[in-house]
């Protein structure tokens, strides 16, 4: 029995390490830096903030970048929202 465990343990350990590598790759893909947050907060409109609240920061940042790459500007109606932030009570 101990011989079987000695033979199987390295294989199980290798499979576990490969699985954890895939998990880490998914986590790294969704990691957001402070620079990304700063960029988003400086020029996000109401639609981007709604996406942030519903789907999380990576999805909101992707939407923000895709709109910016298409050349869409911030709508005039959303500009006052950026100038006067309000806290929720």
PDB file of N, CA and C in Angstrom:
ATOM      1  N   UNK A   1       0.818  -1.192   0.000  1.00  0.00           N
ATOM      2  CA  UNK A   1       0.000   0.000   0.000  1.00  0.00           C
ATOM      3  C   UNK A   1       0.865   1.259   0.000  1.00  0.00           C
ATOM      4  N   UNK A   2       1.946   1.229   0.779  1.00  0.00           N
ATOM      5  CA  UNK A   2       2.826   2.395   0.821  1.00  0.00           C
ATOM      6  C   UNK A   2       3.538   2.593  -0.508  1.00  0.00           C
ATOM      7  N   UNK A   3       3.855   1.528  -1.185  1.00  0.00           N
ATOM      8  CA  UNK A   3       4.494   1.614  -2.503  1.00  0.00           C
ATOM      9  C   UNK A   3       3.572   2.272  -3.519  1.00  0.00           C
ATOM     10  N   UNK A   4       2.296   1.907  -3.460  1.00  0.00           N
ATOM     11  CA  UNK A   4       1.318   2.500  -4.364  1.00  0.00           C
ATOM     12  C   UNK A   4       1.167   3.993  -4.092  1.00  0.00           C
ATOM     13  N   UNK A   5       1.134   4.376  -2.829  1.00  0.00           N
ATOM     14  CA  UNK A   5       1.044   5.792  -2.457  1.00  0.00           C
ATOM     15  C   UNK A   5       2.287   6.542  -2.910  1.00  0.00           C
ATOM     16  N   UNK A   6       3.439   5.907  -2.785  1.00  0.00           N
ATOM     17  CA  UNK A   6       4.692   6.553  -3.213  1.00  0.00           C
ATOM     18  C   UNK A   6       4.722   6.753  -4.723  1.00  0.00           C
ATOM     19  N   UNK A   7       4.086   5.877  -5.461  1.00  0.00           N
ATOM     20  CA  UNK A   7       4.048   6.019  -6.925  1.00  0.00           C
ATOM     21  C   UNK A   7       2.989   7.033  -7.375  1.00  0.00           C
ATOM     22  N   UNK A   8       1.869   7.069  -6.682  1.00  0.00           N
ATOM     23  CA  UNK A   8       0.786   7.951  -7.096  1.00  0.00           C
ATOM     24  C   UNK A   8       0.947   9.400  -6.617  1.00  0.00           C
ATOM     25  N   UNK A   9       1.606   9.594  -5.495  1.00  0.00           N
ATOM     26  CA  UNK A   9       1.727  10.938  -4.928  1.00  0.00           C
ATOM     27  C   UNK A   9       2.362  11.936  -5.899  1.00  0.00           C
ATOM     28  N   UNK A  10       3.481  11.641  -6.559  1.00  0.00           N
ATOM     29  CA  UNK A  10       4.050  12.622  -7.496  1.00  0.00           C
ATOM     30  C   UNK A  10       3.115  12.966  -8.659  1.00  0.00           C
ATOM     31  N   UNK A  11       2.396  11.970  -9.157  1.00  0.00           N
ATOM     32  CA  UNK A  11       1.476  12.219 -10.266  1.00  0.00           C
ATOM     33  C   UNK A  11       0.321  13.115  -9.824  1.00  0.00           C
ATOM     34  N   UNK A  12      -0.223  12.843  -8.657  1.00  0.00           N
ATOM     35  CA  UNK A  12      -1.316  13.662  -8.128  1.00  0.00           C
ATOM     36  C   UNK A  12      -0.829  15.076  -7.850  1.00  0.00           C
ATOM     37  N   UNK A  13       0.363  15.206  -7.320  1.00  0.00           N
ATOM     38  CA  UNK A  13       0.940  16.517  -7.054  1.00  0.00           C
ATOM     39  C   UNK A  13       1.134  17.315  -8.343  1.00  0.00           C
ATOM     40  N   UNK A  14       1.603  16.661  -9.393  1.00  0.00           N
ATOM     41  CA  UNK A  14       1.785  17.330 -10.691  1.00  0.00           C
ATOM     42  C   UNK A  14       0.437  17.778 -11.268  1.00  0.00           C
ATOM     43  N   UNK A  15      -0.587  16.944 -11.182  1.00  0.00           N
ATOM     44  CA  UNK A  15      -1.908  17.324 -11.678  1.00  0.00           C
ATOM     45  C   UNK A  15      -2.470  18.502 -10.891  1.00  0.00           C
ATOM     46  N   UNK A  16      -2.265  18.495  -9.588  1.00  0.00           N
ATOM     47  CA  UNK A  16      -2.719  19.606  -8.758  1.00  0.00           C
ATOM     48  C   UNK A  16      -1.992  20.894  -9.144  1.00  0.00           C
ATOM     49  N   UNK A  17      -0.691  20.822  -9.379  1.00  0.00           N
ATOM     50  CA  UNK A  17       0.085  22.004  -9.774  1.00  0.00           C
ATOM     51  C   UNK A  17      -0.393  22.549 -11.122  1.00  0.00           C
ATOM     52  N   UNK A  18      -0.699  21.687 -12.065  1.00  0.00           N
ATOM     53  CA  UNK A  18      -1.208  22.135 -13.366  1.00  0.00           C
ATOM     54  C   UNK A  18      -2.579  22.797 -13.228  1.00  0.00           C
ATOM     55  N   UNK A  19      -3.423  22.246 -12.378  1.00  0.00           N
ATOM     56  CA  UNK A  19      -4.739  22.837 -12.162  1.00  0.00           C
ATOM     57  C   UNK A  19      -4.611  24.213 -11.516  1.00  0.00           C
ATOM     58  N   UNK A  20      -3.717  24.344 -10.549  1.00  0.00           N
ATOM     59  CA  UNK A  20      -3.525  25.638  -9.890  1.00  0.00           C
ATOM     60  C   UNK A  20      -2.936  26.678 -10.850  1.00  0.00           C
ATOM     61  N   UNK A  21      -2.116  26.236 -11.802  1.00  0.00           N
ATOM     62  CA  UNK A  21      -1.573  27.151 -12.808  1.00  0.00           C
ATOM     63  C   UNK A  21      -2.693  27.727 -13.681  1.00  0.00           C
ATOM     64  N   UNK A  22      -3.657  26.886 -14.041  1.00  0.00           N
ATOM     65  CA  UNK A  22      -4.798  27.372 -14.825  1.00  0.00           C
ATOM     66  C   UNK A  22      -5.644  28.354 -14.012  1.00  0.00           C
ATOM     67  N   UNK A  23      -5.840  28.071 -12.742  1.00  0.00           N
ATOM     68  CA  UNK A  23      -6.591  28.985 -11.873  1.00  0.00           C
ATOM     69  C   UNK A  23      -5.855  30.319 -11.766  1.00  0.00           C
ATOM     70  N   UNK A  24      -4.536  30.270 -11.591  1.00  0.00           N
ATOM     71  CA  UNK A  24      -3.744  31.502 -11.491  1.00  0.00           C
ATOM     72  C   UNK A  24      -3.806  32.305 -12.783  1.00  0.00           C
ATOM     73  N   UNK A  25      -3.808  31.657 -13.923  1.00  0.00           N
ATOM     74  CA  UNK A  25      -3.901  32.361 -15.203  1.00  0.00           C
ATOM     75  C   UNK A  25      -5.234  33.099 -15.309  1.00  0.00           C
ATOM     76  N   UNK A  26      -6.309  32.480 -14.856  1.00  0.00           N
ATOM     77  CA  UNK A  26      -7.615  33.156 -14.873  1.00  0.00           C
ATOM     78  C   UNK A  26      -7.635  34.345 -13.929  1.00  0.00           C
ATOM     79  N   UNK A  27      -7.026  34.202 -12.766  1.00  0.00           N
ATOM     80  CA  UNK A  27      -6.978  35.302 -11.805  1.00  0.00           C
ATOM     81  C   UNK A  27      -6.148  36.449 -12.356  1.00  0.00           C
ATOM     82  N   UNK A  28      -5.010  36.140 -12.971  1.00  0.00           N
ATOM     83  CA  UNK A  28      -4.146  37.181 -13.532  1.00  0.00           C
ATOM     84  C   UNK A  28      -4.843  37.949 -14.647  1.00  0.00           C
ATOM     85  N   UNK A  29      -5.677  37.267 -15.395  1.00  0.00           N
ATOM     86  CA  UNK A  29      -6.385  37.922 -16.497  1.00  0.00           C
ATOM     87  C   UNK A  29      -7.385  38.954 -15.964  1.00  0.00           C
ATOM     88  N   UNK A  30      -7.902  38.736 -14.762  1.00  0.00           N
ATOM     89  CA  UNK A  30      -8.888  39.640 -14.187  1.00  0.00           C
ATOM     90  C   UNK A  30      -8.292  40.624 -13.186  1.00  0.00           C
ATOM     91  N   UNK A  31      -6.978  40.646 -13.068  1.00  0.00           N
ATOM     92  CA  UNK A  31      -6.333  41.540 -12.126  1.00  0.00           C
ATOM     93  C   UNK A  31      -6.313  42.963 -12.685  1.00  0.00           C
ATOM     94  N   UNK A  32      -6.585  43.921 -11.824  1.00  0.00           N
ATOM     95  CA  UNK A  32      -6.644  45.319 -12.222  1.00  0.00           C
ATOM     96  C   UNK A  32      -5.635  46.103 -11.387  1.00  0.00           C
ATOM     97  N   UNK A  33      -4.845  46.950 -12.052  1.00  0.00           N
ATOM     98  CA  UNK A  33      -3.845  47.734 -11.323  1.00  0.00           C
ATOM     99  C   UNK A  33      -4.432  49.084 -10.900  1.00  0.00           C
ATOM    100  N   UNK A  34      -3.708  49.785 -10.049  1.00  0.00           N
ATOM    101  CA  UNK A  34      -4.146  51.108  -9.580  1.00  0.00           C
ATOM    102  C   UNK A  34      -4.211  52.101 -10.736  1.00  0.00           C
ATOM    103  N   UNK A  35      -3.330  51.962 -11.716  1.00  0.00           N
ATOM    104  CA  UNK A  35      -3.354  52.852 -12.884  1.00  0.00           C
ATOM    105  C   UNK A  35      -4.644  52.681 -13.681  1.00  0.00           C
ATOM    106  N   UNK A  36      -5.101  51.425 -13.816  1.00  0.00           N
ATOM    107  CA  UNK A  36      -6.353  51.177 -14.522  1.00  0.00           C
ATOM    108  C   UNK A  36      -7.528  51.829 -13.795  1.00  0.00           C
ATOM    109  N   UNK A  37      -7.540  51.727 -12.486  1.00  0.00           N
ATOM    110  CA  UNK A  37      -8.624  52.323 -11.691  1.00  0.00           C
ATOM    111  C   UNK A  37      -8.607  53.830 -11.834  1.00  0.00           C
ATOM    112  N   UNK A  38      -7.434  54.437 -11.743  1.00  0.00           N
ATOM    113  CA  UNK A  38      -7.300  55.889 -11.870  1.00  0.00           C
ATOM    114  C   UNK A  38      -7.787  56.371 -13.237  1.00  0.00           C
ATOM    115  N   UNK A  39      -7.384  55.666 -14.292  1.00  0.00           N
ATOM    116  CA  UNK A  39      -7.797  56.021 -15.652  1.00  0.00           C
ATOM    117  C   UNK A  39      -9.317  55.924 -15.793  1.00  0.00           C
ATOM    118  N   UNK A  40      -9.888  54.870 -15.239  1.00  0.00           N
ATOM    119  CA  UNK A  40     -11.330  54.663 -15.331  1.00  0.00           C
ATOM    120  C   UNK A  40     -12.087  55.765 -14.599  1.00  0.00           C
ATOM    121  N   UNK A  41     -11.659  56.075 -13.383  1.00  0.00           N
ATOM    122  CA  UNK A  41     -12.374  57.068 -12.583  1.00  0.00           C
ATOM    123  C   UNK A  41     -12.264  58.473 -13.146  1.00  0.00           C
ATOM    124  N   UNK A  42     -11.190  58.764 -13.869  1.00  0.00           N
ATOM    125  CA  UNK A  42     -11.027  60.097 -14.448  1.00  0.00           C
ATOM    126  C   UNK A  42     -11.991  60.357 -15.600  1.00  0.00           C
ATOM    127  N   UNK A  43     -12.345  59.341 -16.363  1.00  0.00           N
ATOM    128  CA  UNK A  43     -13.117  59.623 -17.574  1.00  0.00           C
ATOM    129  C   UNK A  43     -14.281  58.669 -17.822  1.00  0.00           C
ATOM    130  N   UNK A  44     -14.795  58.015 -16.814  1.00  0.00           N
ATOM    131  CA  UNK A  44     -15.937  57.111 -16.991  1.00  0.00           C
ATOM    132  C   UNK A  44     -17.234  57.900 -16.988  1.00  0.00           C
ATOM    133  N   UNK A  45     -18.204  57.411 -17.754  1.00  0.00           N
ATOM    134  CA  UNK A  45     -19.527  58.037 -17.741  1.00  0.00           C
ATOM    135  C   UNK A  45     -20.504  57.153 -16.968  1.00  0.00           C
ATOM    136  N   UNK A  46     -21.749  57.549 -16.956  1.00  0.00           N
ATOM    137  CA  UNK A  46     -22.762  56.835 -16.162  1.00  0.00           C
ATOM    138  C   UNK A  46     -22.933  55.384 -16.616  1.00  0.00           C
ATOM    139  N   UNK A  47     -22.848  55.141 -17.909  1.00  0.00           N
ATOM    140  CA  UNK A  47     -22.978  53.778 -18.417  1.00  0.00           C
ATOM    141  C   UNK A  47     -21.864  52.878 -17.931  1.00  0.00           C
ATOM    142  N   UNK A  48     -20.647  53.426 -17.883  1.00  0.00           N
ATOM    143  CA  UNK A  48     -19.513  52.649 -17.387  1.00  0.00           C
ATOM    144  C   UNK A  48     -19.672  52.340 -15.903  1.00  0.00           C
ATOM    145  N   UNK A  49     -20.184  53.307 -15.151  1.00  0.00           N
ATOM    146  CA  UNK A  49     -20.378  53.097 -13.717  1.00  0.00           C
ATOM    147  C   UNK A  49     -21.469  52.050 -13.478  1.00  0.00           C
ATOM    148  N   UNK A  50     -22.515  52.049 -14.300  1.00  0.00           N
ATOM    149  CA  UNK A  50     -23.548  51.024 -14.188  1.00  0.00           C
ATOM    150  C   UNK A  50     -22.969  49.629 -14.440  1.00  0.00           C
ATOM    151  N   UNK A  51     -22.120  49.526 -15.464  1.00  0.00           N
ATOM    152  CA  UNK A  51     -21.477  48.244 -15.735  1.00  0.00           C
ATOM    153  C   UNK A  51     -20.586  47.832 -14.576  1.00  0.00           C
ATOM    154  N   UNK A  52     -19.889  48.808 -13.981  1.00  0.00           N
ATOM    155  CA  UNK A  52     -19.051  48.526 -12.821  1.00  0.00           C
ATOM    156  C   UNK A  52     -19.879  47.952 -11.683  1.00  0.00           C
ATOM    157  N   UNK A  53     -21.034  48.527 -11.429  1.00  0.00           N
ATOM    158  CA  UNK A  53     -21.878  48.076 -10.322  1.00  0.00           C
ATOM    159  C   UNK A  53     -22.478  46.700 -10.591  1.00  0.00           C
ATOM    160  N   UNK A  54     -22.818  46.414 -11.847  1.00  0.00           N
ATOM    161  CA  UNK A  54     -23.500  45.162 -12.167  1.00  0.00           C
ATOM    162  C   UNK A  54     -22.546  43.997 -12.412  1.00  0.00           C
ATOM    163  N   UNK A  55     -21.435  44.264 -13.129  1.00  0.00           N
ATOM    164  CA  UNK A  55     -20.588  43.161 -13.589  1.00  0.00           C
ATOM    165  C   UNK A  55     -19.189  43.152 -13.016  1.00  0.00           C
ATOM    166  N   UNK A  56     -18.785  44.203 -12.336  1.00  0.00           N
ATOM    167  CA  UNK A  56     -17.449  44.248 -11.761  1.00  0.00           C
ATOM    168  C   UNK A  56     -16.493  45.095 -12.582  1.00  0.00           C
ATOM    169  N   UNK A  57     -15.323  45.350 -12.016  1.00  0.00           N
ATOM    170  CA  UNK A  57     -14.392  46.277 -12.645  1.00  0.00           C
ATOM    171  C   UNK A  57     -13.799  45.780 -13.961  1.00  0.00           C
ATOM    172  N   UNK A  58     -13.392  44.503 -14.092  1.00  0.00           N
ATOM    173  CA  UNK A  58     -12.814  44.080 -15.368  1.00  0.00           C
ATOM    174  C   UNK A  58     -13.764  44.273 -16.547  1.00  0.00           C
ATOM    175  N   UNK A  59     -15.037  43.964 -16.377  1.00  0.00           N
ATOM    176  CA  UNK A  59     -16.005  44.143 -17.460  1.00  0.00           C
ATOM    177  C   UNK A  59     -16.212  45.623 -17.770  1.00  0.00           C
ATOM    178  N   UNK A  60     -16.282  46.464 -16.737  1.00  0.00           N
ATOM    179  CA  UNK A  60     -16.458  47.897 -16.958  1.00  0.00           C
ATOM    180  C   UNK A  60     -15.244  48.494 -17.652  1.00  0.00           C
ATOM    181  N   UNK A  61     -14.044  48.056 -17.285  1.00  0.00           N
ATOM    182  CA  UNK A  61     -12.837  48.562 -17.920  1.00  0.00           C
ATOM    183  C   UNK A  61     -12.762  48.122 -19.370  1.00  0.00           C
ATOM    184  N   UNK A  62     -13.162  46.886 -19.666  1.00  0.00           N
ATOM    185  CA  UNK A  62     -13.187  46.422 -21.052  1.00  0.00           C
ATOM    186  C   UNK A  62     -14.157  47.242 -21.890  1.00  0.00           C
ATOM    187  N   UNK A  63     -15.349  47.499 -21.344  1.00  0.00           N
ATOM    188  CA  UNK A  63     -16.332  48.305 -22.064  1.00  0.00           C
ATOM    189  C   UNK A  63     -15.816  49.727 -22.272  1.00  0.00           C
ATOM    190  N   UNK A  64     -15.194  50.290 -21.254  1.00  0.00           N
ATOM    191  CA  UNK A  64     -14.640  51.643 -21.335  1.00  0.00           C
ATOM    192  C   UNK A  64     -13.574  51.722 -22.422  1.00  0.00           C
ATOM    193  N   UNK A  65     -12.682  50.751 -22.462  1.00  0.00           N
ATOM    194  CA  UNK A  65     -11.611  50.746 -23.469  1.00  0.00           C
ATOM    195  C   UNK A  65     -12.161  50.545 -24.868  1.00  0.00           C
ATOM    196  N   UNK A  66     -13.168  49.685 -25.022  1.00  0.00           N
ATOM    197  CA  UNK A  66     -13.726  49.462 -26.358  1.00  0.00           C
ATOM    198  C   UNK A  66     -14.439  50.710 -26.870  1.00  0.00           C
ATOM    199  N   UNK A  67     -15.157  51.409 -25.997  1.00  0.00           N
ATOM    200  CA  UNK A  67     -15.798  52.662 -26.425  1.00  0.00           C
ATOM    201  C   UNK A  67     -14.762  53.716 -26.765  1.00  0.00           C
ATOM    202  N   UNK A  68     -13.702  53.778 -25.968  1.00  0.00           N
ATOM    203  CA  UNK A  68     -12.667  54.775 -26.212  1.00  0.00           C
ATOM    204  C   UNK A  68     -11.929  54.480 -27.515  1.00  0.00           C
ATOM    205  N   UNK A  69     -11.703  53.216 -27.831  1.00  0.00           N
ATOM    206  CA  UNK A  69     -11.002  52.863 -29.066  1.00  0.00           C
ATOM    207  C   UNK A  69     -11.866  53.136 -30.303  1.00  0.00           C
ATOM    208  N   UNK A  70     -13.188  53.088 -30.140  1.00  0.00           N
ATOM    209  CA  UNK A  70     -14.082  53.413 -31.256  1.00  0.00           C
ATOM    210  C   UNK A  70     -14.204  54.914 -31.443  1.00  0.00           C
ATOM    211  N   UNK A  71     -13.713  55.692 -30.480  1.00  0.00           N
ATOM    212  CA  UNK A  71     -13.736  57.145 -30.617  1.00  0.00           C
ATOM    213  C   UNK A  71     -14.961  57.804 -30.032  1.00  0.00           C
ATOM    214  N   UNK A  72     -15.764  57.064 -29.281  1.00  0.00           N
ATOM    215  CA  UNK A  72     -16.941  57.672 -28.660  1.00  0.00           C
ATOM    216  C   UNK A  72     -16.500  58.537 -27.498  1.00  0.00           C
ATOM    217  N   UNK A  73     -17.058  59.737 -27.402  1.00  0.00           N
ATOM    218  CA  UNK A  73     -16.700  60.629 -26.309  1.00  0.00           C
ATOM    219  C   UNK A  73     -17.730  60.526 -25.193  1.00  0.00           C
ATOM    220  N   UNK A  74     -17.408  61.126 -24.065  1.00  0.00           N
ATOM    221  CA  UNK A  74     -18.317  61.144 -22.928  1.00  0.00           C
ATOM    222  C   UNK A  74     -19.509  62.021 -23.250  1.00  0.00           C
ATOM    223  N   UNK A  75     -20.737  61.537 -23.090  1.00  0.00           N
ATOM    224  CA  UNK A  75     -21.901  62.353 -23.382  1.00  0.00           C
ATOM    225  C   UNK A  75     -21.966  63.573 -22.459  1.00  0.00           C
ATOM    226  N   UNK A  76     -22.548  64.651 -22.966  1.00  0.00           N
ATOM    227  CA  UNK A  76     -22.649  65.892 -22.195  1.00  0.00           C
ATOM    228  C   UNK A  76     -23.519  65.708 -20.956  1.00  0.00           C
ATOM    229  N   UNK A  77     -24.492  64.816 -21.012  1.00  0.00           N
ATOM    230  CA  UNK A  77     -25.378  64.606 -19.868  1.00  0.00           C
ATOM    231  C   UNK A  77     -24.641  63.945 -18.708  1.00  0.00           C
ATOM    232  N   UNK A  78     -23.607  63.177 -19.000  1.00  0.00           N
ATOM    233  CA  UNK A  78     -22.884  62.480 -17.935  1.00  0.00           C
ATOM    234  C   UNK A  78     -21.791  63.345 -17.313  1.00  0.00           C
ATOM    235  N   UNK A  79     -21.423  64.450 -17.944  1.00  0.00           N
ATOM    236  CA  UNK A  79     -20.351  65.306 -17.441  1.00  0.00           C
ATOM    237  C   UNK A  79     -20.638  65.845 -16.037  1.00  0.00           C
ATOM    238  N   UNK A  80     -21.853  66.308 -15.713  1.00  0.00           N
ATOM    239  CA  UNK A  80     -22.088  66.785 -14.351  1.00  0.00           C
ATOM    240  C   UNK A  80     -21.916  65.701 -13.302  1.00  0.00           C
ATOM    241  N   UNK A  81     -22.155  64.437 -13.657  1.00  0.00           N
ATOM    242  CA  UNK A  81     -21.972  63.357 -12.709  1.00  0.00           C
ATOM    243  C   UNK A  81     -20.502  63.210 -12.325  1.00  0.00           C
ATOM    244  N   UNK A  82     -19.600  63.489 -13.262  1.00  0.00           N
ATOM    245  CA  UNK A  82     -18.192  63.360 -12.979  1.00  0.00           C
ATOM    246  C   UNK A  82     -17.662  64.509 -12.147  1.00  0.00           C
ATOM    247  N   UNK A  83     -18.275  65.698 -12.269  1.00  0.00           N
ATOM    248  CA  UNK A  83     -17.801  66.881 -11.574  1.00  0.00           C
ATOM    249  C   UNK A  83     -18.219  66.914 -10.119  1.00  0.00           C
ATOM    250  N   UNK A  84     -19.337  66.314  -9.786  1.00  0.00           N
ATOM    251  CA  UNK A  84     -19.821  66.404  -8.403  1.00  0.00           C
ATOM    252  C   UNK A  84     -20.133  65.012  -7.841  1.00  0.00           C
ATOM    253  N   UNK A  85     -19.102  64.328  -7.375  1.00  0.00           N
ATOM    254  CA  UNK A  85     -19.365  62.995  -6.807  1.00  0.00           C
ATOM    255  C   UNK A  85     -20.165  63.094  -5.516  1.00  0.00           C
ATOM    256  N   UNK A  86     -21.056  62.147  -5.322  1.00  0.00           N
ATOM    257  CA  UNK A  86     -21.891  62.124  -4.125  1.00  0.00           C
ATOM    258  C   UNK A  86     -21.695  60.800  -3.423  1.00  0.00           C
ATOM    259  N   UNK A  87     -21.776  60.830  -2.137  1.00  0.00           N
ATOM    260  CA  UNK A  87     -21.649  59.609  -1.352  1.00  0.00           C
ATOM    261  C   UNK A  87     -23.018  59.054  -1.042  1.00  0.00           C
ATOM    262  N   UNK A  88     -23.085  57.751  -1.047  1.00  0.00           N
ATOM    263  CA  UNK A  88     -24.337  57.104  -0.659  1.00  0.00           C
ATOM    264  C   UNK A  88     -24.394  57.040   0.858  1.00  0.00           C
ATOM    265  N   UNK A  89     -25.583  57.295   1.401  1.00  0.00           N
ATOM    266  CA  UNK A  89     -25.689  57.258   2.865  1.00  0.00           C
ATOM    267  C   UNK A  89     -26.313  55.996   3.358  1.00  0.00           C
TER     268      UNK A  89
END
